[in-house]
Protein backbone atom coordinates (compact mmCIF):
# COMPACT_ATOMS: atom_id res chain seq x y z
CA MET A 1 -106.19 -6.24 46.14
CA THR A 2 -108.17 -9.47 46.29
CA GLY A 3 -107.98 -11.17 49.71
CA ILE A 4 -105.86 -14.30 50.15
CA LEU A 5 -106.13 -17.22 52.58
CA THR A 6 -103.48 -19.91 52.93
CA PHE A 7 -104.38 -23.35 54.28
CA THR A 8 -101.71 -25.54 55.91
CA PRO A 9 -103.02 -28.75 57.49
CA ASN A 10 -99.51 -29.96 58.45
CA PRO A 11 -97.58 -26.89 59.65
CA THR A 12 -94.16 -26.98 61.24
CA ILE A 13 -91.45 -24.93 62.87
CA ASP A 14 -88.39 -24.99 60.62
CA VAL A 15 -85.16 -25.10 62.62
CA SER A 16 -81.98 -24.43 60.66
CA THR A 17 -78.34 -24.34 61.65
CA SER A 18 -74.87 -24.97 60.23
CA VAL A 19 -71.85 -27.05 61.17
CA GLU A 20 -68.33 -27.24 59.78
CA ARG A 21 -68.56 -30.92 58.84
CA ILE A 22 -71.05 -33.73 59.42
CA VAL A 23 -69.47 -36.94 60.71
CA PRO A 24 -71.00 -39.92 62.53
CA THR A 25 -70.83 -40.43 66.34
CA HIS A 26 -68.92 -37.21 67.05
CA LYS A 27 -70.56 -34.39 68.97
CA LEU A 28 -71.11 -31.69 66.34
CA ARG A 29 -70.88 -28.06 67.48
CA CYS A 30 -73.53 -26.15 65.54
CA ALA A 31 -74.14 -22.48 64.97
CA ALA A 32 -77.03 -20.77 66.73
CA ALA A 33 -80.36 -22.14 65.49
CA ARG A 34 -82.84 -20.10 63.50
CA ARG A 35 -86.57 -20.84 63.84
CA ASP A 36 -89.11 -19.93 61.16
CA PRO A 37 -92.81 -20.74 60.81
CA GLY A 38 -93.19 -23.36 58.11
CA GLY A 39 -95.32 -25.72 56.14
CA GLY A 40 -96.27 -24.98 52.53
CA GLY A 41 -99.19 -22.61 53.08
CA ILE A 42 -97.49 -20.67 55.86
CA ASN A 43 -94.42 -20.19 53.69
CA VAL A 44 -96.64 -18.94 50.87
CA ALA A 45 -98.24 -16.49 53.31
CA ARG A 46 -94.81 -15.22 54.37
CA VAL A 47 -93.89 -14.50 50.76
CA ILE A 48 -97.18 -12.73 50.07
CA ARG A 49 -96.81 -10.58 53.18
CA ARG A 50 -93.27 -9.56 52.25
CA LEU A 51 -94.63 -8.32 48.94
CA GLY A 52 -97.16 -6.15 50.79
CA GLY A 53 -100.20 -8.39 50.42
CA GLU A 54 -102.80 -8.93 53.10
CA VAL A 55 -103.04 -12.62 53.90
CA THR A 56 -104.48 -14.86 56.61
CA ALA A 57 -102.91 -18.22 57.47
CA VAL A 58 -105.29 -21.03 58.46
CA TYR A 59 -103.73 -24.02 60.25
CA PRO A 60 -104.07 -26.43 63.20
CA ARG A 61 -101.76 -26.10 66.18
CA GLY A 62 -101.02 -28.13 69.29
CA GLY A 63 -99.00 -27.90 72.48
CA ALA A 64 -96.15 -25.54 73.31
CA THR A 65 -94.71 -25.79 69.79
CA GLY A 66 -98.09 -24.82 68.39
CA GLN A 67 -98.12 -21.70 70.54
CA LEU A 68 -94.58 -20.91 69.38
CA LEU A 69 -95.63 -21.39 65.77
CA SER A 70 -98.38 -18.79 66.16
CA ARG A 71 -95.92 -16.34 67.71
CA LEU A 72 -93.55 -16.86 64.80
CA VAL A 73 -96.39 -16.28 62.31
CA GLU A 74 -97.37 -13.12 64.20
CA ARG A 75 -93.75 -11.95 64.05
CA GLU A 76 -94.14 -11.97 60.25
CA HIS A 77 -97.21 -9.68 60.58
CA ILE A 78 -99.54 -12.39 59.29
CA ALA A 79 -102.99 -12.99 60.78
CA SER A 80 -103.64 -16.52 62.06
CA GLU A 81 -106.87 -18.51 62.17
CA THR A 82 -106.20 -21.73 64.07
CA THR A 83 -107.85 -24.88 65.32
CA GLU A 84 -106.54 -26.72 68.37
CA ILE A 85 -105.28 -30.30 68.23
CA ALA A 86 -104.21 -32.63 71.05
CA ALA A 87 -100.70 -33.49 69.81
CA ASP A 88 -97.75 -31.10 69.56
CA THR A 89 -97.03 -29.25 66.34
CA ARG A 90 -93.97 -30.75 64.66
CA GLU A 91 -90.51 -29.31 64.15
CA ASP A 92 -88.32 -30.00 61.12
CA PHE A 93 -84.67 -29.12 60.85
CA SER A 94 -81.98 -28.56 58.26
CA VAL A 95 -78.21 -28.44 58.61
CA HIS A 96 -75.82 -26.64 56.26
CA GLU A 97 -72.40 -28.31 56.03
CA GLU A 98 -69.93 -25.45 55.67
CA THR A 99 -67.02 -27.40 54.17
CA THR A 100 -69.04 -28.82 51.26
CA GLY A 101 -71.97 -26.43 50.94
CA GLN A 102 -74.37 -29.38 51.15
CA GLN A 103 -77.69 -29.12 52.94
CA PHE A 104 -79.21 -31.94 54.99
CA ARG A 105 -82.97 -31.77 55.60
CA PHE A 106 -84.83 -33.82 58.22
CA VAL A 107 -88.62 -33.78 57.80
CA LEU A 108 -90.88 -35.30 60.47
CA PRO A 109 -94.35 -36.63 59.62
CA GLY A 110 -96.32 -34.32 61.91
CA PRO A 111 -98.92 -35.11 64.56
CA ALA A 112 -101.78 -37.44 63.72
CA LEU A 113 -105.16 -35.72 63.52
CA ALA A 114 -108.25 -37.45 64.81
CA GLU A 115 -111.33 -37.16 62.61
CA PRO A 116 -112.91 -34.36 64.69
CA GLU A 117 -109.63 -32.42 64.38
CA TRP A 118 -109.28 -32.61 60.59
CA ARG A 119 -112.98 -31.90 60.18
CA ALA A 120 -112.55 -28.81 62.37
CA CYS A 121 -109.81 -27.62 59.98
CA LEU A 122 -112.21 -27.90 57.03
CA ASP A 123 -114.98 -26.17 58.99
CA LYS A 124 -112.64 -23.29 59.80
CA LEU A 125 -111.71 -22.96 56.14
CA GLY A 126 -115.36 -23.00 55.13
CA ALA A 127 -116.18 -20.24 57.60
CA LEU A 128 -113.41 -18.02 56.20
CA ALA A 129 -113.33 -18.80 52.48
CA ASN A 130 -115.97 -16.22 51.58
CA ARG A 131 -113.54 -13.49 52.69
CA ALA A 132 -111.02 -14.36 50.00
CA GLY A 133 -110.55 -14.26 46.26
CA PHE A 134 -107.80 -16.87 46.46
CA VAL A 135 -107.32 -19.84 48.78
CA VAL A 136 -103.88 -21.46 48.59
CA ALA A 137 -103.72 -24.97 50.07
CA SER A 138 -100.20 -26.27 50.29
CA GLY A 139 -98.06 -28.97 51.84
CA SER A 140 -98.30 -32.59 52.85
CA LEU A 141 -101.28 -34.05 54.69
CA PRO A 142 -100.85 -34.93 58.36
CA PRO A 143 -101.26 -38.54 59.47
CA GLY A 144 -104.92 -39.28 60.06
CA ALA A 145 -106.27 -36.95 57.35
CA PRO A 146 -108.03 -38.79 54.50
CA PRO A 147 -106.49 -38.81 51.00
CA ASP A 148 -109.38 -36.68 49.71
CA PHE A 149 -108.81 -33.97 52.34
CA TYR A 150 -107.80 -31.37 49.76
CA ALA A 151 -110.63 -32.47 47.49
CA ARG A 152 -113.03 -31.68 50.33
CA ALA A 153 -111.29 -28.33 50.83
CA CYS A 154 -111.66 -27.61 47.12
CA ARG A 155 -115.40 -28.32 47.21
CA THR A 156 -115.76 -26.04 50.22
CA VAL A 157 -113.93 -23.17 48.53
CA LYS A 158 -115.67 -23.59 45.17
CA SER A 159 -119.06 -23.32 46.84
CA GLY A 160 -118.21 -19.60 47.09
CA ASP A 161 -116.35 -17.31 44.70
CA ALA A 162 -112.73 -17.97 45.70
CA LYS A 163 -110.17 -19.55 43.37
CA PHE A 164 -108.60 -22.72 44.81
CA VAL A 165 -104.82 -23.04 44.33
CA LEU A 166 -103.09 -26.28 45.33
CA ASP A 167 -99.51 -27.42 45.85
CA THR A 168 -99.30 -31.00 47.06
CA SER A 169 -98.50 -34.47 45.71
CA GLY A 170 -99.56 -38.08 45.42
CA PRO A 171 -103.09 -39.32 46.16
CA ALA A 172 -104.04 -35.98 47.75
CA LEU A 173 -103.29 -34.17 44.48
CA LYS A 174 -105.01 -36.79 42.32
CA ALA A 175 -108.19 -36.63 44.42
CA ALA A 176 -108.31 -32.83 44.35
CA LEU A 177 -107.87 -32.73 40.57
CA MET A 178 -111.12 -34.67 40.23
CA GLU A 179 -112.86 -31.61 41.68
CA GLY A 180 -111.28 -29.18 39.19
CA VAL A 181 -108.94 -26.63 40.78
CA TYR A 182 -107.96 -23.17 39.56
CA LEU A 183 -104.18 -23.62 39.66
CA ILE A 184 -101.77 -26.39 40.59
CA LYS A 185 -97.99 -26.14 41.00
CA PRO A 186 -96.45 -29.58 40.65
CA ASN A 187 -92.77 -30.26 40.15
CA LEU A 188 -91.78 -32.73 37.46
CA GLY A 189 -91.77 -35.76 39.79
CA GLU A 190 -95.27 -34.90 41.05
CA LEU A 191 -96.59 -34.44 37.50
CA ARG A 192 -95.14 -37.80 36.46
CA GLU A 193 -96.92 -39.43 39.37
CA VAL A 194 -100.25 -37.83 38.45
CA VAL A 195 -100.21 -38.80 34.77
CA GLY A 196 -98.25 -42.05 35.07
CA GLU A 197 -95.79 -41.21 32.29
CA ALA A 198 -92.01 -40.71 32.10
CA LEU A 199 -92.25 -37.16 30.60
CA ASN A 200 -88.63 -36.99 29.48
CA ASP A 201 -88.80 -33.87 27.30
CA GLU A 202 -90.57 -30.56 26.87
CA ALA A 203 -93.09 -32.02 24.44
CA GLY A 204 -94.11 -34.56 27.08
CA TRP A 205 -94.39 -31.90 29.78
CA VAL A 206 -96.61 -29.78 27.55
CA ARG A 207 -98.78 -32.73 26.54
CA ALA A 208 -99.36 -33.76 30.17
CA CYS A 209 -100.21 -30.26 31.35
CA VAL A 210 -102.48 -29.54 28.39
CA GLY A 211 -104.27 -32.81 29.13
CA LEU A 212 -105.01 -31.71 32.69
CA VAL A 213 -106.32 -28.34 31.49
CA LYS A 214 -108.43 -29.73 28.66
CA GLY A 215 -109.78 -32.44 30.98
CA GLY A 216 -111.06 -29.78 33.39
CA ARG A 217 -108.73 -30.90 36.18
CA ALA A 218 -107.05 -27.48 36.47
CA ALA A 219 -107.54 -24.15 34.74
CA ILE A 220 -103.79 -23.42 35.03
CA VAL A 221 -100.80 -25.72 35.52
CA ALA A 222 -97.55 -24.09 36.66
CA LEU A 223 -94.89 -26.81 36.37
CA THR A 224 -91.63 -26.03 38.18
CA LEU A 225 -88.47 -27.54 36.72
CA GLY A 226 -85.72 -26.53 39.16
CA ASP A 227 -82.74 -24.96 37.43
CA ARG A 228 -84.47 -25.51 34.07
CA GLY A 229 -87.13 -22.92 34.88
CA ALA A 230 -90.85 -23.50 34.63
CA LEU A 231 -93.73 -24.17 32.26
CA LEU A 232 -97.14 -22.49 32.40
CA VAL A 233 -100.17 -23.98 30.66
CA GLY A 234 -103.55 -22.28 30.56
CA ARG A 235 -106.63 -22.62 28.39
CA ASP A 236 -105.26 -20.56 25.52
CA ARG A 237 -101.47 -20.41 25.86
CA VAL A 238 -98.34 -22.29 26.84
CA LEU A 239 -95.32 -20.40 28.20
CA ARG A 240 -91.81 -21.59 29.03
CA ALA A 241 -89.59 -19.57 31.37
CA GLU A 242 -85.82 -19.84 31.67
CA PRO A 243 -84.46 -18.71 35.06
CA PRO A 244 -81.70 -16.14 35.51
CA PRO A 245 -78.15 -17.47 35.94
CA ILE A 246 -77.42 -17.70 39.66
CA THR A 247 -75.29 -19.66 42.11
CA PRO A 248 -77.68 -21.29 44.61
CA LEU A 249 -76.89 -21.52 48.31
CA SER A 250 -79.90 -23.63 49.27
CA SER A 251 -82.50 -25.94 47.78
CA VAL A 252 -85.25 -24.82 50.16
CA GLY A 253 -88.07 -22.36 49.57
CA ALA A 254 -88.06 -21.99 45.79
CA GLY A 255 -91.45 -23.61 45.18
CA ASP A 256 -93.25 -21.75 47.95
CA SER A 257 -91.64 -18.47 46.85
CA PHE A 258 -92.69 -19.10 43.24
CA LEU A 259 -96.27 -19.88 44.19
CA GLY A 260 -96.68 -17.10 46.76
CA THR A 261 -95.39 -14.51 44.31
CA MET A 262 -97.62 -15.77 41.50
CA VAL A 263 -100.73 -15.67 43.67
CA TRP A 264 -99.86 -12.22 45.04
CA SER A 265 -99.40 -10.96 41.47
CA LEU A 266 -102.74 -12.36 40.30
CA ALA A 267 -104.54 -11.01 43.38
CA ALA A 268 -102.99 -7.60 42.69
CA GLY A 269 -104.40 -7.62 39.16
CA PHE A 270 -101.29 -8.38 37.09
CA ASP A 271 -101.70 -10.52 33.98
CA LEU A 272 -100.82 -14.20 33.99
CA GLU A 273 -97.59 -13.88 31.99
CA TYR A 274 -96.14 -11.24 34.31
CA ALA A 275 -97.22 -13.23 37.38
CA PHE A 276 -95.40 -16.25 35.93
CA ARG A 277 -92.25 -14.26 35.17
CA LEU A 278 -92.22 -12.74 38.65
CA GLY A 279 -92.79 -16.16 40.21
CA VAL A 280 -89.76 -17.62 38.44
CA ALA A 281 -87.66 -14.68 39.65
CA ALA A 282 -88.87 -15.28 43.22
CA GLY A 283 -87.99 -18.98 43.04
CA SER A 284 -84.48 -18.02 41.97
CA SER A 285 -84.31 -15.40 44.71
CA ALA A 286 -85.13 -17.97 47.38
CA VAL A 287 -82.19 -20.25 46.64
CA LEU A 288 -79.76 -17.34 46.97
CA ASN A 289 -80.38 -17.51 50.71
CA PRO A 290 -79.08 -20.13 53.17
CA GLY A 291 -81.21 -22.34 55.41
CA THR A 292 -84.98 -22.13 55.18
CA GLU A 293 -85.09 -18.49 54.08
CA LEU A 294 -87.60 -17.51 51.38
CA ALA A 295 -87.51 -14.98 48.55
CA HIS A 296 -86.74 -11.35 49.31
CA PRO A 297 -88.74 -8.81 47.25
CA ASP A 298 -85.66 -6.72 46.35
CA ASP A 299 -83.90 -9.78 44.92
CA THR A 300 -87.05 -10.84 43.08
CA ARG A 301 -87.44 -7.42 41.44
CA ARG A 302 -83.76 -7.37 40.52
CA LEU A 303 -83.88 -10.81 38.90
CA VAL A 304 -87.18 -10.50 37.01
CA ALA A 305 -85.56 -8.68 34.07
CA ALA A 306 -83.24 -11.67 33.56
CA VAL A 307 -86.10 -14.19 33.29
CA THR A 308 -86.83 -15.07 29.65
CA VAL A 309 -90.33 -16.22 28.69
CA ARG A 310 -91.31 -17.65 25.30
CA GLU A 311 -94.45 -19.06 23.76
CA VAL A 312 -94.40 -22.81 23.17
């Protein structure tokens, strides 16, 4: 299997709990908290490891929460390559309201990185990228990192033989696309922002993704559409996937589960269509779980037969 690195410049510890009902001013008695290592790339690494892949997570860490983050990553049997920063690693938290089934997510911005700190992250990636066939960069940028941070990461990775996979948004995504990435995984809102169009129907989605591929911005675009499935556009084919019918318990983890499973499949030598189908099944698997839980391989394998894929 081809080696995989994940790159998470703004990692977090995801804290999740539940409460009967959320009301203002009252003291709310919550269930015991669960802590998971988080941030886009780390979540992708967790999914890949659950599927049996060998993966190394590259990320900055700081303070006591940074040390805890590394212990949580180690608990998942994932190798860490870290750089040290002065500020504490952030924590995010989500609360499940039991009476309504709603989920409330609170996302903090993360510690600001000084220029030597974000440059050290890129240097670490450059030193490790030649070990991998795939580098998956995912998540928001921390305060202090320049908008072209992922573009710089892409240039570093492409100087070797690894394929650069990216899941981010806004100016960071636009800048990286100018370098030409192997695969991007936007959602519909992120794609609209990149192309500056409303994209109200399937024809518009296809046109926008084909434009990115033909323009050399990305070799593959995997557009996630929530409960409407996903669209995959490559150089010679366009595929639309419909997800299996499920009742979701959470809105967290579907995108990272989709991407991690797709990259694991490609690194394992499966063809693109099967990797896409399995990714959609994994995204559906993730939302069957409460809190910040990700896809479970048994659920993914069970659901893959119910994913329908057609040529567009």
